[in-house]
Amino acid sequence: MIAFEVQDMSCNHCVGAITRAIQAVDEDARVEVDLPQHRVRIVPGRADAAMLAGAIEEAGYTPVAVAA
């Protein structure tokens, strides 16, 4: 599991945008979002942490890797 803290994720629109961005680079990824904790946990299918972080950044957010 790969986890990121995304402090600039503040609403359900953000959750959707991040989820779509992750699934655009890894359609098999399982994404879990904890909005109150600003955490995104991903069980990747074929993408690595750098690819997933890049997808979140391209969606306009700031991911910081944290322990899953």
N, C-alpha and C. Protein backbone atom coordinates (compact mmCIF):
# COMPACT_ATOMS: atom_id res chain seq x y z
N MET A 1 0.85 -1.18 0.00
CA MET A 1 0.00 0.00 0.00
C MET A 1 0.89 1.24 0.00
N ILE A 2 0.49 2.23 -0.75
CA ILE A 2 1.19 3.51 -0.84
C ILE A 2 0.26 4.56 -0.25
N ALA A 3 0.82 5.44 0.59
CA ALA A 3 -0.03 6.45 1.23
C ALA A 3 0.58 7.84 1.07
N PHE A 4 -0.32 8.79 0.92
CA PHE A 4 0.08 10.19 0.82
C PHE A 4 -0.78 11.03 1.75
N GLU A 5 -0.18 12.07 2.31
CA GLU A 5 -0.94 13.11 2.99
C GLU A 5 -1.13 14.22 1.96
N VAL A 6 -2.36 14.67 1.81
CA VAL A 6 -2.67 15.71 0.82
C VAL A 6 -3.43 16.81 1.56
N GLN A 7 -2.68 17.73 2.16
CA GLN A 7 -3.29 18.77 3.00
C GLN A 7 -4.20 19.70 2.22
N ASP A 8 -3.95 19.88 0.92
CA ASP A 8 -4.80 20.79 0.14
C ASP A 8 -6.03 20.10 -0.45
N MET A 9 -6.33 18.89 0.00
CA MET A 9 -7.57 18.18 -0.35
C MET A 9 -8.60 18.55 0.72
N SER A 10 -9.66 19.25 0.31
CA SER A 10 -10.56 19.80 1.33
C SER A 10 -12.03 19.44 1.16
N CYS A 11 -12.40 18.79 0.04
CA CYS A 11 -13.83 18.53 -0.18
C CYS A 11 -14.01 17.29 -1.05
N ASN A 12 -15.25 16.91 -1.24
CA ASN A 12 -15.53 15.73 -2.06
C ASN A 12 -15.15 15.92 -3.52
N HIS A 13 -15.18 17.14 -4.01
CA HIS A 13 -14.70 17.40 -5.37
C HIS A 13 -13.22 17.03 -5.47
N CYS A 14 -12.45 17.41 -4.46
CA CYS A 14 -11.02 17.07 -4.42
C CYS A 14 -10.82 15.56 -4.43
N VAL A 15 -11.61 14.87 -3.62
CA VAL A 15 -11.53 13.41 -3.55
C VAL A 15 -11.75 12.81 -4.93
N GLY A 16 -12.78 13.27 -5.62
CA GLY A 16 -13.08 12.76 -6.95
C GLY A 16 -11.97 13.05 -7.94
N ALA A 17 -11.43 14.27 -7.89
CA ALA A 17 -10.37 14.65 -8.82
C ALA A 17 -9.12 13.80 -8.60
N ILE A 18 -8.77 13.58 -7.35
CA ILE A 18 -7.59 12.78 -7.04
C ILE A 18 -7.81 11.32 -7.43
N THR A 19 -8.97 10.79 -7.13
CA THR A 19 -9.29 9.40 -7.49
C THR A 19 -9.22 9.21 -9.00
N ARG A 20 -9.81 10.13 -9.75
CA ARG A 20 -9.79 10.03 -11.22
C ARG A 20 -8.36 10.13 -11.75
N ALA A 21 -7.56 11.01 -11.17
CA ALA A 21 -6.17 11.17 -11.62
C ALA A 21 -5.37 9.90 -11.40
N ILE A 22 -5.55 9.29 -10.24
CA ILE A 22 -4.84 8.04 -9.93
C ILE A 22 -5.28 6.94 -10.88
N GLN A 23 -6.58 6.81 -11.09
CA GLN A 23 -7.07 5.75 -11.95
C GLN A 23 -6.75 5.99 -13.42
N ALA A 24 -6.43 7.21 -13.79
CA ALA A 24 -6.01 7.49 -15.16
C ALA A 24 -4.63 6.89 -15.44
N VAL A 25 -3.76 6.83 -14.42
CA VAL A 25 -2.43 6.24 -14.62
C VAL A 25 -2.39 4.77 -14.22
N ASP A 26 -3.37 4.34 -13.42
CA ASP A 26 -3.40 2.95 -12.97
C ASP A 26 -4.86 2.54 -12.76
N GLU A 27 -5.49 2.05 -13.82
CA GLU A 27 -6.92 1.74 -13.75
C GLU A 27 -7.25 0.62 -12.78
N ASP A 28 -6.25 -0.19 -12.40
CA ASP A 28 -6.48 -1.28 -11.47
C ASP A 28 -6.25 -0.88 -10.01
N ALA A 29 -5.84 0.36 -9.78
CA ALA A 29 -5.54 0.81 -8.42
C ALA A 29 -6.81 0.86 -7.57
N ARG A 30 -6.67 0.49 -6.31
CA ARG A 30 -7.76 0.65 -5.34
C ARG A 30 -7.41 1.86 -4.49
N VAL A 31 -8.30 2.84 -4.49
CA VAL A 31 -8.04 4.11 -3.82
C VAL A 31 -8.96 4.25 -2.62
N GLU A 32 -8.37 4.57 -1.47
CA GLU A 32 -9.13 4.83 -0.25
C GLU A 32 -8.77 6.25 0.20
N VAL A 33 -9.77 7.07 0.45
CA VAL A 33 -9.53 8.45 0.85
C VAL A 33 -10.16 8.70 2.21
N ASP A 34 -9.36 9.27 3.11
CA ASP A 34 -9.84 9.70 4.42
C ASP A 34 -9.76 11.23 4.41
N LEU A 35 -10.86 11.87 4.04
CA LEU A 35 -10.87 13.32 3.88
C LEU A 35 -10.54 14.05 5.18
N PRO A 36 -11.13 13.71 6.33
CA PRO A 36 -10.80 14.43 7.56
C PRO A 36 -9.31 14.35 7.94
N GLN A 37 -8.67 13.23 7.60
CA GLN A 37 -7.24 13.06 7.91
C GLN A 37 -6.34 13.50 6.75
N HIS A 38 -6.94 13.88 5.62
CA HIS A 38 -6.19 14.30 4.42
C HIS A 38 -5.26 13.19 3.94
N ARG A 39 -5.73 11.93 4.01
CA ARG A 39 -4.91 10.80 3.61
C ARG A 39 -5.49 10.12 2.38
N VAL A 40 -4.61 9.73 1.49
CA VAL A 40 -4.97 8.93 0.32
C VAL A 40 -4.13 7.66 0.39
N ARG A 41 -4.81 6.53 0.44
CA ARG A 41 -4.13 5.24 0.46
C ARG A 41 -4.45 4.51 -0.84
N ILE A 42 -3.42 3.95 -1.43
CA ILE A 42 -3.58 3.33 -2.75
C ILE A 42 -2.96 1.94 -2.74
N VAL A 43 -3.73 0.98 -3.22
CA VAL A 43 -3.18 -0.35 -3.51
C VAL A 43 -3.01 -0.34 -5.03
N PRO A 44 -1.77 -0.17 -5.48
CA PRO A 44 -1.55 -0.01 -6.92
C PRO A 44 -1.69 -1.32 -7.68
N GLY A 45 -2.04 -1.16 -8.94
CA GLY A 45 -2.07 -2.30 -9.84
C GLY A 45 -0.74 -2.42 -10.54
N ARG A 46 -0.34 -1.36 -11.22
CA ARG A 46 0.92 -1.40 -11.99
C ARG A 46 1.76 -0.15 -11.85
N ALA A 47 1.26 0.88 -11.18
CA ALA A 47 2.00 2.13 -11.04
C ALA A 47 2.84 2.11 -9.77
N ASP A 48 3.95 2.86 -9.80
CA ASP A 48 4.76 2.99 -8.60
C ASP A 48 4.42 4.30 -7.89
N ALA A 49 5.04 4.51 -6.74
CA ALA A 49 4.73 5.68 -5.92
C ALA A 49 4.99 6.99 -6.66
N ALA A 50 6.06 7.05 -7.43
CA ALA A 50 6.38 8.28 -8.16
C ALA A 50 5.32 8.59 -9.21
N MET A 51 4.84 7.57 -9.90
CA MET A 51 3.79 7.79 -10.91
C MET A 51 2.51 8.28 -10.25
N LEU A 52 2.16 7.68 -9.11
CA LEU A 52 0.93 8.06 -8.41
C LEU A 52 1.04 9.48 -7.85
N ALA A 53 2.19 9.82 -7.29
CA ALA A 53 2.39 11.18 -6.78
C ALA A 53 2.31 12.17 -7.92
N GLY A 54 2.90 11.83 -9.05
CA GLY A 54 2.85 12.71 -10.22
C GLY A 54 1.43 12.94 -10.70
N ALA A 55 0.61 11.90 -10.66
CA ALA A 55 -0.79 12.04 -11.08
C ALA A 55 -1.54 12.98 -10.14
N ILE A 56 -1.28 12.85 -8.84
CA ILE A 56 -1.93 13.73 -7.87
C ILE A 56 -1.47 15.17 -8.07
N GLU A 57 -0.19 15.36 -8.31
CA GLU A 57 0.35 16.71 -8.57
C GLU A 57 -0.26 17.31 -9.83
N GLU A 58 -0.38 16.51 -10.89
CA GLU A 58 -0.97 17.02 -12.13
C GLU A 58 -2.43 17.41 -11.95
N ALA A 59 -3.10 16.79 -10.98
CA ALA A 59 -4.49 17.16 -10.69
C ALA A 59 -4.56 18.46 -9.88
N GLY A 60 -3.40 18.97 -9.45
CA GLY A 60 -3.36 20.25 -8.76
C GLY A 60 -3.20 20.17 -7.25
N TYR A 61 -2.76 19.02 -6.75
CA TYR A 61 -2.63 18.83 -5.30
C TYR A 61 -1.19 18.52 -4.93
N THR A 62 -0.90 18.55 -3.63
CA THR A 62 0.45 18.39 -3.14
C THR A 62 0.55 17.14 -2.27
N PRO A 63 0.93 16.00 -2.86
CA PRO A 63 1.04 14.78 -2.07
C PRO A 63 2.37 14.70 -1.33
N VAL A 64 2.32 14.24 -0.09
CA VAL A 64 3.52 13.99 0.70
C VAL A 64 3.47 12.52 1.13
N ALA A 65 4.47 11.77 0.76
CA ALA A 65 4.49 10.34 1.10
C ALA A 65 4.53 10.16 2.61
N VAL A 66 3.72 9.22 3.10
CA VAL A 66 3.70 8.88 4.52
C VAL A 66 3.63 7.36 4.66
N ALA A 67 3.90 6.88 5.86
CA ALA A 67 3.81 5.44 6.09
C ALA A 67 2.36 5.00 5.99
N ALA A 68 2.15 3.90 5.30
CA ALA A 68 0.79 3.38 5.13
C ALA A 68 0.35 2.80 6.42
